[in-house]
Structures are given as C-alpha cells and as structure tokens.
C-alpha cells in the first residue's frame, strides 16, 4: 500500500470533517486532490464509502467496499461496509455469509458479531442471532463496553424478534 504524504493525510482528514458536516461535495473535492495511488488508500476509500452511503448509492458503496477488502482484508470496517452494502441491496443472506466467513481473520470486537446477530434476525435465524449476540457481549465485557452494547441492543429494531423471545443472548451474570 502506498504511503500517504502529509498533504494527503490532511486532505483525507478534511474530507472526513466535511462528511461529518454533511458537506459531501466539499468532501469529494478534498479527495479529488489525492494522487491516483492515494485514492486507493483504505482511509480514502472509507471516506468515499461514507459519502456514497449518505447519498444512498448502494451499488457504488458495494464497489468501494469490495476494493476496501481487497486492499486491506484485515481491516474490520471494510468487511462491515461490504456487508452493509449487500444488505442495503437486499442481499442480506450474502451479507451474512461474507461477514461470517471473514470473522476469523479480523481482530476481536463486539461490532462484527453484533452485525451478524442483526442480519441473522433479519433472516429469521434466531438461534444463530442469539449465538452472535452472546459473542458480542463477551467481546464488549472484555473491552469494558458492555453497558454501551446493552443500550444499543435495546434500541435496535433489527434485534426486536430476538428480544421478544425474552432471551436475547446476553450472558447470565455470575
């Protein structure tokens, strides 16, 4: 992967700031200043993905996410963006399968199993959803973010079918 110059790092940071302000044209202008090689850097691709997602351009999101996982397959956000793009294109089963297949190669986090639990619920696979949610809580406990995860789970409409069963998958207190 090509190393970014200080100016390119600054342009990517500026683009990220513009995205957070919903100034998408300005964000694109920042990214357009990058050398062609720098435009393929994972940080630049992620910002382009965010721009496309805010516009609801899921086919473009999918293309960008595919490039992200090709350029840096160990980065979690590429796989999460890939799965979300597929899901938004009504390909939830494929989103689930691709993200599940990548989990072993990714650093542990609560985010990936939580997303898999959400997709499993959408697919009606409550047993799998429960297992993934347990894994998410295990990771959240280890990183000290269990309360944050509990809050996210309570408010997540995708997990409502699992929560309605009364046994969402959170580990029992010891």
N, C-alpha and C. Protein backbone atom coordinates (compact mmCIF):
# COMPACT_ATOMS: atom_id res chain seq x y z
N UNK A 1 0.84 -1.17 0.00
CA UNK A 1 0.00 0.00 0.00
C UNK A 1 0.89 1.24 0.00
N UNK A 2 0.52 2.19 -0.81
CA UNK A 2 1.29 3.43 -0.96
C UNK A 2 1.17 4.27 0.31
N UNK A 3 2.28 4.85 0.73
CA UNK A 3 2.28 5.75 1.89
C UNK A 3 1.72 7.10 1.49
N UNK A 4 0.91 7.66 2.36
CA UNK A 4 0.32 8.97 2.09
C UNK A 4 1.27 10.08 2.48
N UNK A 5 1.25 11.16 1.72
CA UNK A 5 2.02 12.34 2.10
C UNK A 5 1.25 13.08 3.20
N UNK A 6 1.92 14.02 3.84
CA UNK A 6 1.26 14.81 4.88
C UNK A 6 0.05 15.56 4.31
N UNK A 7 0.19 16.09 3.10
CA UNK A 7 -0.92 16.81 2.47
C UNK A 7 -2.11 15.88 2.20
N UNK A 8 -1.79 14.64 1.80
CA UNK A 8 -2.87 13.68 1.53
C UNK A 8 -3.57 13.27 2.82
N UNK A 9 -2.82 13.09 3.87
CA UNK A 9 -3.42 12.79 5.18
C UNK A 9 -4.34 13.94 5.59
N UNK A 10 -3.85 15.16 5.40
CA UNK A 10 -4.66 16.35 5.74
C UNK A 10 -5.92 16.41 4.89
N UNK A 11 -5.82 16.08 3.62
CA UNK A 11 -6.99 16.11 2.72
C UNK A 11 -8.02 15.07 3.15
N UNK A 12 -7.55 13.89 3.52
CA UNK A 12 -8.47 12.83 3.97
C UNK A 12 -9.15 13.25 5.27
N UNK A 13 -8.39 13.82 6.19
CA UNK A 13 -8.98 14.30 7.45
C UNK A 13 -10.00 15.40 7.18
N UNK A 14 -9.66 16.30 6.27
CA UNK A 14 -10.60 17.37 5.92
C UNK A 14 -11.87 16.79 5.30
N UNK A 15 -11.71 15.81 4.42
CA UNK A 15 -12.86 15.17 3.79
C UNK A 15 -13.74 14.51 4.85
N UNK A 16 -13.11 13.86 5.82
CA UNK A 16 -13.86 13.23 6.91
C UNK A 16 -14.66 14.29 7.67
N UNK A 17 -14.04 15.41 7.94
CA UNK A 17 -14.74 16.50 8.62
C UNK A 17 -15.93 17.01 7.82
N UNK A 18 -15.75 17.17 6.51
CA UNK A 18 -16.85 17.60 5.66
C UNK A 18 -17.99 16.59 5.67
N UNK A 19 -17.65 15.29 5.66
CA UNK A 19 -18.70 14.26 5.70
C UNK A 19 -19.50 14.39 6.99
N UNK A 20 -18.80 14.60 8.10
CA UNK A 20 -19.50 14.73 9.39
C UNK A 20 -20.43 15.94 9.41
N UNK A 21 -20.12 16.93 8.59
CA UNK A 21 -20.98 18.11 8.47
C UNK A 21 -22.02 17.96 7.35
N UNK A 22 -22.06 16.79 6.73
CA UNK A 22 -22.95 16.52 5.58
C UNK A 22 -22.66 17.42 4.39
N UNK A 23 -21.43 17.88 4.28
CA UNK A 23 -20.99 18.69 3.13
C UNK A 23 -20.26 17.74 2.17
N UNK A 24 -21.04 16.94 1.48
CA UNK A 24 -20.48 15.84 0.69
C UNK A 24 -19.70 16.32 -0.53
N UNK A 25 -20.16 17.37 -1.17
CA UNK A 25 -19.44 17.90 -2.33
C UNK A 25 -18.06 18.39 -1.92
N UNK A 26 -18.00 19.07 -0.78
CA UNK A 26 -16.72 19.55 -0.27
C UNK A 26 -15.79 18.39 0.07
N UNK A 27 -16.37 17.33 0.64
CA UNK A 27 -15.57 16.14 0.97
C UNK A 27 -14.99 15.53 -0.30
N UNK A 28 -15.80 15.43 -1.33
CA UNK A 28 -15.30 14.89 -2.61
C UNK A 28 -14.21 15.76 -3.20
N UNK A 29 -14.36 17.06 -3.08
CA UNK A 29 -13.34 17.99 -3.58
C UNK A 29 -12.00 17.73 -2.90
N UNK A 30 -12.02 17.50 -1.61
CA UNK A 30 -10.79 17.18 -0.88
C UNK A 30 -10.16 15.89 -1.42
N UNK A 31 -10.99 14.87 -1.61
CA UNK A 31 -10.47 13.57 -2.07
C UNK A 31 -9.98 13.63 -3.52
N UNK A 32 -10.59 14.50 -4.30
CA UNK A 32 -10.18 14.62 -5.70
C UNK A 32 -8.77 15.19 -5.84
N UNK A 33 -8.26 15.80 -4.78
CA UNK A 33 -6.90 16.35 -4.81
C UNK A 33 -5.83 15.27 -4.64
N UNK A 34 -6.23 14.07 -4.24
CA UNK A 34 -5.26 13.00 -3.99
C UNK A 34 -4.68 12.45 -5.28
N UNK A 35 -3.43 11.99 -5.20
CA UNK A 35 -2.84 11.26 -6.33
C UNK A 35 -3.68 10.00 -6.58
N UNK A 36 -3.67 9.48 -7.80
CA UNK A 36 -4.45 8.26 -8.07
C UNK A 36 -4.13 7.11 -7.11
N UNK A 37 -2.85 6.91 -6.77
CA UNK A 37 -2.49 5.83 -5.86
C UNK A 37 -3.07 6.07 -4.46
N UNK A 38 -3.09 7.32 -4.04
CA UNK A 38 -3.61 7.65 -2.71
C UNK A 38 -5.13 7.49 -2.65
N UNK A 39 -5.79 7.60 -3.78
CA UNK A 39 -7.25 7.42 -3.81
C UNK A 39 -7.64 5.98 -3.49
N UNK A 40 -6.68 5.05 -3.64
CA UNK A 40 -6.93 3.64 -3.33
C UNK A 40 -6.53 3.29 -1.90
N UNK A 41 -6.06 4.26 -1.14
CA UNK A 41 -5.71 4.02 0.26
C UNK A 41 -7.00 3.70 1.02
N UNK A 42 -6.95 2.75 1.96
CA UNK A 42 -8.17 2.39 2.70
C UNK A 42 -8.88 3.58 3.36
N UNK A 43 -8.12 4.53 3.89
CA UNK A 43 -8.76 5.68 4.53
C UNK A 43 -9.54 6.52 3.52
N UNK A 44 -9.00 6.68 2.33
CA UNK A 44 -9.69 7.44 1.28
C UNK A 44 -10.91 6.66 0.78
N UNK A 45 -10.75 5.35 0.61
CA UNK A 45 -11.88 4.52 0.18
C UNK A 45 -13.01 4.56 1.20
N UNK A 46 -12.65 4.54 2.49
CA UNK A 46 -13.68 4.58 3.53
C UNK A 46 -14.46 5.88 3.46
N UNK A 47 -13.78 7.00 3.26
CA UNK A 47 -14.48 8.28 3.17
C UNK A 47 -15.40 8.29 1.94
N UNK A 48 -14.91 7.76 0.83
CA UNK A 48 -15.76 7.67 -0.38
C UNK A 48 -16.99 6.81 -0.10
N UNK A 49 -16.80 5.71 0.66
CA UNK A 49 -17.92 4.85 1.02
C UNK A 49 -18.93 5.63 1.87
N UNK A 50 -18.45 6.39 2.83
CA UNK A 50 -19.34 7.18 3.68
C UNK A 50 -20.15 8.19 2.86
N UNK A 51 -19.49 8.82 1.90
CA UNK A 51 -20.17 9.77 1.02
C UNK A 51 -21.28 9.06 0.24
N UNK A 52 -20.92 7.95 -0.37
CA UNK A 52 -21.91 7.20 -1.17
C UNK A 52 -23.05 6.69 -0.29
N UNK A 53 -22.74 6.25 0.93
CA UNK A 53 -23.80 5.74 1.82
C UNK A 53 -24.75 6.85 2.23
N UNK A 54 -24.23 8.04 2.48
CA UNK A 54 -25.10 9.16 2.85
C UNK A 54 -26.01 9.54 1.68
N UNK A 55 -25.57 9.25 0.49
CA UNK A 55 -26.39 9.52 -0.70
C UNK A 55 -27.31 8.34 -1.04
N UNK A 56 -27.14 7.24 -0.33
CA UNK A 56 -27.95 6.06 -0.61
C UNK A 56 -27.56 5.36 -1.89
N UNK A 57 -26.34 5.56 -2.34
CA UNK A 57 -25.84 4.96 -3.58
C UNK A 57 -25.19 3.62 -3.24
N UNK A 58 -26.01 2.62 -2.99
CA UNK A 58 -25.51 1.33 -2.51
C UNK A 58 -24.73 0.54 -3.55
N UNK A 59 -25.03 0.64 -4.85
CA UNK A 59 -24.15 -0.03 -5.81
C UNK A 59 -22.72 0.52 -5.76
N UNK A 60 -22.58 1.85 -5.64
CA UNK A 60 -21.24 2.44 -5.51
C UNK A 60 -20.61 2.00 -4.19
N UNK A 61 -21.39 1.98 -3.13
CA UNK A 61 -20.88 1.52 -1.83
C UNK A 61 -20.32 0.11 -1.94
N UNK A 62 -21.04 -0.76 -2.65
CA UNK A 62 -20.59 -2.14 -2.79
C UNK A 62 -19.25 -2.19 -3.53
N UNK A 63 -19.13 -1.43 -4.61
CA UNK A 63 -17.86 -1.42 -5.36
C UNK A 63 -16.71 -0.92 -4.48
N UNK A 64 -16.96 0.13 -3.72
CA UNK A 64 -15.92 0.68 -2.84
C UNK A 64 -15.56 -0.31 -1.74
N UNK A 65 -16.55 -0.96 -1.17
CA UNK A 65 -16.29 -1.93 -0.10
C UNK A 65 -15.51 -3.13 -0.62
N UNK A 66 -15.83 -3.57 -1.83
CA UNK A 66 -15.06 -4.67 -2.43
C UNK A 66 -13.60 -4.27 -2.59
N UNK A 67 -13.36 -3.03 -2.98
CA UNK A 67 -11.97 -2.55 -3.10
C UNK A 67 -11.31 -2.46 -1.73
N UNK A 68 -12.07 -2.01 -0.74
CA UNK A 68 -11.54 -1.92 0.62
C UNK A 68 -11.04 -3.27 1.12
N UNK A 69 -11.86 -4.31 0.97
CA UNK A 69 -11.45 -5.61 1.49
C UNK A 69 -10.33 -6.21 0.64
N UNK A 70 -10.25 -5.83 -0.62
CA UNK A 70 -9.14 -6.31 -1.46
C UNK A 70 -7.83 -5.64 -1.07
N UNK A 71 -7.89 -4.34 -0.77
CA UNK A 71 -6.69 -3.58 -0.44
C UNK A 71 -6.20 -3.91 0.97
N UNK A 72 -7.10 -4.07 1.90
CA UNK A 72 -6.71 -4.31 3.30
C UNK A 72 -7.71 -5.27 3.94
N UNK A 73 -7.57 -6.56 3.68
CA UNK A 73 -8.55 -7.54 4.16
C UNK A 73 -8.61 -7.70 5.68
N UNK A 74 -7.61 -7.22 6.39
CA UNK A 74 -7.63 -7.37 7.84
C UNK A 74 -8.36 -6.22 8.55
N UNK A 75 -8.76 -5.21 7.80
CA UNK A 75 -9.47 -4.08 8.40
C UNK A 75 -10.95 -4.39 8.53
N UNK A 76 -11.41 -4.33 9.74
CA UNK A 76 -12.80 -4.67 10.06
C UNK A 76 -13.80 -3.81 9.30
N UNK A 77 -13.54 -2.49 9.20
CA UNK A 77 -14.55 -1.63 8.60
C UNK A 77 -14.85 -1.98 7.15
N UNK A 78 -13.87 -2.50 6.42
CA UNK A 78 -14.12 -2.89 5.03
C UNK A 78 -15.16 -3.99 4.94
N UNK A 79 -15.02 -4.98 5.81
CA UNK A 79 -15.98 -6.09 5.82
C UNK A 79 -17.35 -5.64 6.30
N UNK A 80 -17.38 -4.76 7.30
CA UNK A 80 -18.66 -4.24 7.78
C UNK A 80 -19.34 -3.41 6.69
N UNK A 81 -18.57 -2.60 5.97
CA UNK A 81 -19.13 -1.81 4.88
C UNK A 81 -19.61 -2.72 3.74
N UNK A 82 -18.85 -3.76 3.47
CA UNK A 82 -19.26 -4.70 2.43
C UNK A 82 -20.60 -5.35 2.79
N UNK A 83 -20.70 -5.83 4.03
CA UNK A 83 -21.94 -6.47 4.47
C UNK A 83 -23.11 -5.50 4.45
N UNK A 84 -22.89 -4.28 4.92
CA UNK A 84 -23.98 -3.30 4.93
C UNK A 84 -24.42 -2.95 3.51
N UNK A 85 -23.47 -2.83 2.60
CA UNK A 85 -23.81 -2.55 1.21
C UNK A 85 -24.67 -3.67 0.63
N UNK A 86 -24.27 -4.90 0.86
CA UNK A 86 -25.05 -6.04 0.36
C UNK A 86 -26.44 -6.05 0.98
N UNK A 87 -26.51 -5.82 2.29
CA UNK A 87 -27.81 -5.80 2.97
C UNK A 87 -28.72 -4.73 2.37
N UNK A 88 -28.18 -3.54 2.14
CA UNK A 88 -28.99 -2.44 1.60
C UNK A 88 -29.43 -2.72 0.16
N UNK A 89 -28.70 -3.62 -0.50
CA UNK A 89 -29.08 -4.03 -1.86
C UNK A 89 -29.99 -5.27 -1.83
N UNK A 90 -30.54 -5.55 -0.64
CA UNK A 90 -31.47 -6.67 -0.44
C UNK A 90 -30.79 -8.02 -0.66
N UNK A 91 -29.53 -8.08 -0.28
CA UNK A 91 -28.75 -9.31 -0.38
C UNK A 91 -28.24 -9.68 1.01
N UNK A 92 -29.18 -9.71 1.96
CA UNK A 92 -28.83 -9.90 3.37
C UNK A 92 -28.18 -11.25 3.61
N UNK A 93 -28.65 -12.28 2.96
CA UNK A 93 -28.04 -13.60 3.14
C UNK A 93 -26.56 -13.58 2.72
N UNK A 94 -26.28 -12.94 1.60
CA UNK A 94 -24.90 -12.83 1.16
C UNK A 94 -24.09 -11.96 2.12
N UNK A 95 -24.71 -10.90 2.63
CA UNK A 95 -24.03 -10.04 3.62
C UNK A 95 -23.63 -10.86 4.83
N UNK A 96 -24.57 -11.66 5.31
CA UNK A 96 -24.32 -12.51 6.48
C UNK A 96 -23.19 -13.51 6.18
N UNK A 97 -23.30 -14.19 5.06
CA UNK A 97 -22.30 -15.21 4.71
C UNK A 97 -20.90 -14.63 4.56
N UNK A 98 -20.80 -13.50 3.88
CA UNK A 98 -19.47 -12.90 3.65
C UNK A 98 -18.85 -12.40 4.95
N UNK A 99 -19.66 -11.75 5.79
CA UNK A 99 -19.14 -11.24 7.06
C UNK A 99 -18.79 -12.38 8.00
N UNK A 100 -19.62 -13.40 8.05
CA UNK A 100 -19.34 -14.55 8.92
C UNK A 100 -18.04 -15.24 8.49
N UNK A 101 -17.83 -15.36 7.20
CA UNK A 101 -16.62 -16.01 6.70
C UNK A 101 -15.36 -15.22 7.04
N UNK A 102 -15.50 -13.91 7.22
CA UNK A 102 -14.34 -13.07 7.49
C UNK A 102 -14.00 -12.95 8.97
N UNK A 103 -14.88 -13.38 9.86
CA UNK A 103 -14.70 -13.10 11.29
C UNK A 103 -13.38 -13.63 11.85
N UNK A 104 -12.95 -14.80 11.43
CA UNK A 104 -11.73 -15.38 11.98
C UNK A 104 -10.49 -14.55 11.67
N UNK A 105 -10.51 -13.84 10.56
CA UNK A 105 -9.34 -13.06 10.14
C UNK A 105 -9.33 -11.65 10.75
N UNK A 106 -10.39 -11.28 11.46
CA UNK A 106 -10.50 -9.93 11.98
C UNK A 106 -10.16 -9.88 13.46
N UNK A 107 -9.68 -8.73 13.90
CA UNK A 107 -9.43 -8.54 15.33
C UNK A 107 -10.75 -8.65 16.08
N UNK A 108 -10.71 -9.20 17.29
CA UNK A 108 -11.95 -9.33 18.06
C UNK A 108 -12.59 -7.97 18.36
N UNK A 109 -13.88 -7.91 18.22
CA UNK A 109 -14.64 -6.72 18.58
C UNK A 109 -16.10 -7.13 18.74
N UNK A 110 -16.86 -6.31 19.41
CA UNK A 110 -18.30 -6.59 19.55
C UNK A 110 -19.07 -6.21 18.29
N UNK A 111 -18.51 -5.36 17.46
CA UNK A 111 -19.23 -4.83 16.31
C UNK A 111 -19.58 -5.90 15.28
N UNK A 112 -18.62 -6.76 14.95
CA UNK A 112 -18.87 -7.77 13.91
C UNK A 112 -19.92 -8.78 14.37
N UNK A 113 -19.80 -9.39 15.56
CA UNK A 113 -20.85 -10.32 15.95
C UNK A 113 -22.21 -9.64 16.16
N UNK A 114 -22.22 -8.38 16.58
CA UNK A 114 -23.48 -7.66 16.69
C UNK A 114 -24.13 -7.52 15.32
N UNK A 115 -23.35 -7.16 14.33
CA UNK A 115 -23.89 -7.02 12.98
C UNK A 115 -24.40 -8.37 12.46
N UNK A 116 -23.66 -9.42 12.74
CA UNK A 116 -24.09 -10.76 12.33
C UNK A 116 -25.40 -11.15 13.04
N UNK A 117 -25.54 -10.77 14.30
CA UNK A 117 -26.79 -11.04 15.03
C UNK A 117 -27.96 -10.29 14.36
N UNK A 118 -27.71 -9.07 13.95
CA UNK A 118 -28.75 -8.29 13.30
C UNK A 118 -29.18 -8.95 11.98
N UNK A 119 -28.20 -9.35 11.17
CA UNK A 119 -28.53 -10.00 9.90
C UNK A 119 -29.24 -11.33 10.14
N UNK A 120 -28.76 -12.10 11.12
CA UNK A 120 -29.41 -13.39 11.42
C UNK A 120 -30.87 -13.18 11.81
N UNK A 121 -31.15 -12.14 12.60
CA UNK A 121 -32.54 -11.83 12.95
C UNK A 121 -33.35 -11.50 11.71
N UNK A 122 -32.79 -10.69 10.83
CA UNK A 122 -33.49 -10.32 9.60
C UNK A 122 -33.80 -11.55 8.74
N UNK A 123 -32.93 -12.56 8.84
CA UNK A 123 -33.11 -13.80 8.08
C UNK A 123 -33.97 -14.82 8.83
N UNK A 124 -34.40 -14.48 10.04
CA UNK A 124 -35.24 -15.38 10.82
C UNK A 124 -34.47 -16.48 11.52
N UNK A 125 -33.18 -16.33 11.65
CA UNK A 125 -32.33 -17.34 12.29
C UNK A 125 -32.04 -16.92 13.74
N UNK A 126 -33.04 -17.05 14.60
CA UNK A 126 -32.92 -16.53 15.95
C UNK A 126 -31.87 -17.27 16.77
N UNK A 127 -31.71 -18.56 16.56
CA UNK A 127 -30.69 -19.31 17.29
C UNK A 127 -29.28 -18.80 16.96
N UNK A 128 -29.02 -18.59 15.69
CA UNK A 128 -27.73 -18.03 15.28
C UNK A 128 -27.57 -16.61 15.79
N UNK A 129 -28.64 -15.85 15.73
CA UNK A 129 -28.59 -14.47 16.22
C UNK A 129 -28.22 -14.44 17.70
N UNK A 130 -28.81 -15.34 18.46
CA UNK A 130 -28.51 -15.41 19.89
C UNK A 130 -27.03 -15.73 20.13
N UNK A 131 -26.49 -16.67 19.35
CA UNK A 131 -25.07 -17.02 19.50
C UNK A 131 -24.17 -15.83 19.16
N UNK A 132 -24.49 -15.13 18.09
CA UNK A 132 -23.68 -13.98 17.70
C UNK A 132 -23.79 -12.86 18.75
N UNK A 133 -24.99 -12.68 19.29
CA UNK A 133 -25.15 -11.63 20.29
C UNK A 133 -24.38 -11.99 21.57
N UNK A 134 -24.36 -13.27 21.92
CA UNK A 134 -23.53 -13.71 23.06
C UNK A 134 -22.06 -13.37 22.82
N UNK A 135 -21.60 -13.65 21.60
CA UNK A 135 -20.21 -13.34 21.26
C UNK A 135 -19.95 -11.84 21.35
N UNK A 136 -20.92 -11.04 20.92
CA UNK A 136 -20.77 -9.58 21.00
C UNK A 136 -20.66 -9.14 22.46
N UNK A 137 -21.51 -9.71 23.32
CA UNK A 137 -21.44 -9.34 24.73
C UNK A 137 -20.13 -9.79 25.38
N UNK A 138 -19.64 -10.93 24.97
CA UNK A 138 -18.36 -11.40 25.50
C UNK A 138 -17.25 -10.40 25.16
N UNK A 139 -17.22 -9.98 23.90
CA UNK A 139 -16.21 -9.01 23.48
C UNK A 139 -16.42 -7.66 24.18
N UNK A 140 -17.67 -7.25 24.33
CA UNK A 140 -17.95 -5.97 24.99
C UNK A 140 -17.53 -6.01 26.46
N UNK A 141 -17.76 -7.14 27.11
CA UNK A 141 -17.33 -7.27 28.51
C UNK A 141 -15.82 -7.15 28.60
N UNK A 142 -15.12 -7.82 27.70
CA UNK A 142 -13.66 -7.80 27.73
C UNK A 142 -13.08 -6.42 27.47
N UNK A 143 -13.79 -5.61 26.70
CA UNK A 143 -13.29 -4.27 26.38
C UNK A 143 -13.90 -3.19 27.26
N UNK A 144 -14.76 -3.59 28.20
CA UNK A 144 -15.36 -2.61 29.10
C UNK A 144 -16.50 -1.81 28.50
N UNK A 145 -17.13 -2.34 27.44
CA UNK A 145 -18.21 -1.61 26.76
C UNK A 145 -19.56 -2.32 26.83
N UNK A 146 -19.74 -3.16 27.83
CA UNK A 146 -20.98 -3.93 27.91
C UNK A 146 -22.21 -3.04 28.07
N UNK A 147 -22.12 -1.99 28.89
CA UNK A 147 -23.28 -1.11 29.08
C UNK A 147 -23.67 -0.41 27.78
N UNK A 148 -22.67 0.03 27.04
CA UNK A 148 -22.94 0.66 25.75
C UNK A 148 -23.64 -0.32 24.80
N UNK A 149 -23.17 -1.57 24.79
CA UNK A 149 -23.78 -2.58 23.93
C UNK A 149 -25.22 -2.86 24.38
N UNK A 150 -25.46 -2.97 25.69
CA UNK A 150 -26.82 -3.21 26.18
C UNK A 150 -27.76 -2.12 25.67
N UNK A 151 -27.30 -0.89 25.72
CA UNK A 151 -28.11 0.23 25.26
C UNK A 151 -28.39 0.12 23.76
N UNK A 152 -27.37 -0.20 22.98
CA UNK A 152 -27.54 -0.35 21.53
C UNK A 152 -28.51 -1.47 21.20
N UNK A 153 -28.39 -2.58 21.92
CA UNK A 153 -29.25 -3.74 21.66
C UNK A 153 -30.70 -3.41 21.97
N UNK A 154 -30.94 -2.75 23.09
CA UNK A 154 -32.32 -2.39 23.47
C UNK A 154 -32.99 -1.53 22.41
N UNK A 155 -32.22 -0.66 21.75
CA UNK A 155 -32.78 0.29 20.79
C UNK A 155 -32.72 -0.19 19.34
N UNK A 156 -32.28 -1.41 19.11
CA UNK A 156 -32.06 -1.89 17.74
C UNK A 156 -33.28 -2.65 17.24
N UNK A 157 -33.99 -2.06 16.29
CA UNK A 157 -35.21 -2.70 15.77
C UNK A 157 -34.92 -4.01 15.04
N UNK A 158 -33.72 -4.15 14.46
CA UNK A 158 -33.38 -5.41 13.79
C UNK A 158 -33.33 -6.57 14.78
N UNK A 159 -33.02 -6.28 16.03
CA UNK A 159 -32.91 -7.32 17.05
C UNK A 159 -34.23 -7.57 17.79
N UNK A 160 -35.27 -6.82 17.45
CA UNK A 160 -36.56 -6.93 18.14
C UNK A 160 -37.09 -8.37 18.18
N UNK A 161 -37.01 -9.14 17.08
CA UNK A 161 -37.51 -10.52 17.18
C UNK A 161 -36.78 -11.35 18.23
N UNK A 162 -35.51 -11.13 18.37
CA UNK A 162 -34.72 -11.85 19.37
C UNK A 162 -35.07 -11.36 20.78
N UNK A 163 -35.20 -10.07 20.95
CA UNK A 163 -35.54 -9.51 22.25
C UNK A 163 -36.93 -9.95 22.70
N UNK A 164 -37.83 -10.16 21.74
CA UNK A 164 -39.19 -10.59 22.07
C UNK A 164 -39.23 -12.01 22.65
N UNK A 165 -38.18 -12.78 22.41
CA UNK A 165 -38.15 -14.15 22.95
C UNK A 165 -37.81 -14.15 24.43
N UNK A 166 -37.36 -13.00 24.95
CA UNK A 166 -37.02 -12.91 26.36
C UNK A 166 -35.63 -13.43 26.70
N UNK A 167 -34.93 -13.94 25.72
CA UNK A 167 -33.58 -14.46 25.94
C UNK A 167 -32.68 -13.99 24.82
N UNK A 168 -32.27 -12.72 24.86
CA UNK A 168 -31.55 -12.15 23.74
C UNK A 168 -30.14 -12.69 23.50
N UNK A 169 -29.56 -13.36 24.46
CA UNK A 169 -28.22 -13.89 24.24
C UNK A 169 -27.18 -13.28 25.13
N UNK A 170 -27.59 -12.32 25.96
CA UNK A 170 -26.62 -11.73 26.88
C UNK A 170 -26.24 -12.78 27.92
N UNK A 171 -24.94 -12.92 28.19
CA UNK A 171 -24.52 -13.90 29.19
C UNK A 171 -25.15 -13.62 30.55
N UNK A 172 -25.47 -14.69 31.25
CA UNK A 172 -26.06 -14.56 32.58
C UNK A 172 -25.00 -14.04 33.55
N UNK A 173 -25.39 -13.15 34.48
CA UNK A 173 -24.42 -12.69 35.48
C UNK A 173 -23.98 -13.86 36.37
N UNK A 174 -22.73 -13.81 36.78
CA UNK A 174 -22.21 -14.90 37.61
C UNK A 174 -22.46 -14.63 39.07
